[in-house]
Amino acid sequence: MTEAAHSFESLLREALTPVEPPADLAERLEGTLESITEMAADELEAWELSAMRDPRNWARPAAAVVAGTAAGTALLLLRARRRAAGTSPGIDDVRDTAERAMRDVARETRRLLGER
């Protein structure tokens, strides 16, 4: 019985071994998020305001708003986190860290909105 338990434990260790993500994962994720954000913006630009009267036409614009907002937020956080990873760790002052994060998000938002 102990042999089976040992074998099971070794199988679990092997299955739960950490796996490093691919090196280009962040770039691919960023590209995908940018693509989703751009497609959502294009969908909203193409939508005619006169179609707002009929609630059956609200699904596509609502989905575009939700998808664009989620992808844009994720993109902002990804870029802010990448910048934060480049700074020195060990900052004890929570206020400074929060202010820096807010500045990064604001800068990235201005950059993304300025591209349009």
Protein backbone atom coordinates (compact mmCIF):
# COMPACT_ATOMS: atom_id res chain seq x y z
CA MET A 1 0.00 0.00 0.00
CA THR A 2 2.83 2.41 0.71
CA GLU A 3 4.24 1.69 -2.73
CA ALA A 4 0.95 2.80 -4.31
CA ALA A 5 0.87 5.93 -2.15
CA HIS A 6 4.46 6.74 -3.08
CA SER A 7 3.70 6.17 -6.75
CA PHE A 8 0.62 8.37 -6.52
CA GLU A 9 2.62 11.09 -4.78
CA SER A 10 5.34 11.00 -7.43
CA LEU A 11 2.70 11.24 -10.18
CA LEU A 12 1.17 14.24 -8.44
CA ARG A 13 4.56 15.95 -8.11
CA GLU A 14 5.23 15.39 -11.79
CA ALA A 15 1.80 16.68 -12.81
CA LEU A 16 2.01 19.78 -10.64
CA THR A 17 5.49 20.84 -11.67
CA PRO A 18 5.47 24.56 -12.54
CA VAL A 19 5.63 25.32 -16.23
CA GLU A 20 7.23 28.48 -17.52
CA PRO A 21 5.07 30.42 -19.99
CA PRO A 22 6.45 31.09 -23.46
CA ALA A 23 8.74 34.11 -23.70
CA ASP A 24 6.48 35.91 -26.16
CA LEU A 25 3.26 35.35 -24.18
CA ALA A 26 3.04 38.95 -22.97
CA GLU A 27 3.50 40.33 -26.49
CA ARG A 28 0.91 37.95 -27.94
CA LEU A 29 -1.55 38.78 -25.17
CA GLU A 30 -0.99 42.50 -25.69
CA GLY A 31 -1.54 42.14 -29.44
CA THR A 32 -4.75 40.18 -28.90
CA LEU A 33 -6.07 42.74 -26.41
CA GLU A 34 -5.24 45.60 -28.79
CA SER A 35 -7.04 43.76 -31.58
CA ILE A 36 -10.15 43.22 -29.46
CA THR A 37 -10.16 46.86 -28.38
CA GLU A 38 -9.83 48.08 -31.97
CA MET A 39 -12.56 45.73 -33.23
CA ALA A 40 -14.91 46.92 -30.48
CA ALA A 41 -14.20 50.55 -31.33
CA ASP A 42 -14.77 49.87 -35.03
CA GLU A 43 -18.08 48.15 -34.24
CA LEU A 44 -19.22 51.13 -32.19
CA GLU A 45 -18.13 53.60 -34.89
CA ALA A 46 -20.08 51.67 -37.54
CA TRP A 47 -23.22 51.54 -35.42
CA GLU A 48 -25.84 54.06 -36.39
CA LEU A 49 -27.47 56.10 -33.67
CA SER A 50 -30.84 55.86 -35.39
CA ALA A 51 -30.85 52.11 -34.68
CA MET A 52 -30.97 52.87 -30.94
CA ARG A 53 -34.75 53.09 -31.02
CA ASP A 54 -35.13 49.35 -31.50
CA PRO A 55 -33.92 47.35 -28.46
CA ARG A 56 -33.26 44.32 -30.66
CA ASN A 57 -30.31 46.22 -32.10
CA TRP A 58 -28.69 46.85 -28.73
CA ALA A 59 -26.95 43.48 -28.37
CA ARG A 60 -23.99 44.10 -30.71
CA PRO A 61 -23.13 47.57 -29.40
CA ALA A 62 -23.53 46.38 -25.80
CA ALA A 63 -21.23 43.43 -26.48
CA ALA A 64 -18.74 45.77 -28.15
CA VAL A 65 -18.77 48.08 -25.14
CA VAL A 66 -18.25 45.21 -22.71
CA ALA A 67 -15.53 43.54 -24.78
CA GLY A 68 -13.76 46.80 -25.54
CA THR A 69 -13.84 47.93 -21.94
CA ALA A 70 -12.59 44.61 -20.60
CA ALA A 71 -9.82 44.33 -23.20
CA GLY A 72 -8.80 47.96 -22.75
CA THR A 73 -8.66 47.62 -18.98
CA ALA A 74 -6.64 44.41 -19.22
CA LEU A 75 -4.29 46.09 -21.67
CA LEU A 76 -3.78 49.05 -19.33
CA LEU A 77 -3.09 46.76 -16.39
CA LEU A 78 -0.71 44.59 -18.41
CA ARG A 79 1.33 47.58 -19.54
CA ALA A 80 1.31 49.18 -16.09
CA ARG A 81 2.44 45.91 -14.54
CA ARG A 82 5.23 45.57 -17.09
CA ARG A 83 6.45 49.06 -16.20
CA ALA A 84 6.16 48.30 -12.48
CA ALA A 85 8.23 45.14 -12.92
CA GLY A 86 11.06 47.32 -14.24
CA THR A 87 11.18 49.41 -11.06
CA SER A 88 13.12 48.39 -8.00
CA PRO A 89 11.28 46.13 -5.58
CA GLY A 90 11.02 46.82 -1.88
CA ILE A 91 9.10 50.05 -1.93
CA ASP A 92 7.62 50.28 1.53
CA ASP A 93 5.42 53.31 1.04
CA VAL A 94 2.03 52.13 -0.18
CA ARG A 95 0.99 55.65 -1.12
CA ASP A 96 3.93 56.08 -3.49
CA THR A 97 3.17 52.74 -5.10
CA ALA A 98 -0.50 53.62 -5.57
CA GLU A 99 0.34 57.05 -6.99
CA ARG A 100 2.82 55.54 -9.42
CA ALA A 101 0.25 52.97 -10.54
CA MET A 102 -2.38 55.67 -11.08
CA ARG A 103 0.09 57.77 -13.10
CA ASP A 104 0.95 54.73 -15.22
CA VAL A 105 -2.72 53.97 -15.88
CA ALA A 106 -3.45 57.63 -16.70
CA ARG A 107 -0.44 57.84 -19.04
CA GLU A 108 -1.40 54.62 -20.79
CA THR A 109 -5.03 55.76 -21.13
CA ARG A 110 -3.94 59.06 -22.69
CA ARG A 111 -1.63 57.19 -25.04
CA LEU A 112 -4.34 54.77 -26.15
CA LEU A 113 -6.97 57.46 -26.58
CA GLY A 114 -4.49 59.69 -28.37
CA GLU A 115 -3.90 57.00 -31.01
CA ARG A 116 -7.49 57.31 -32.28
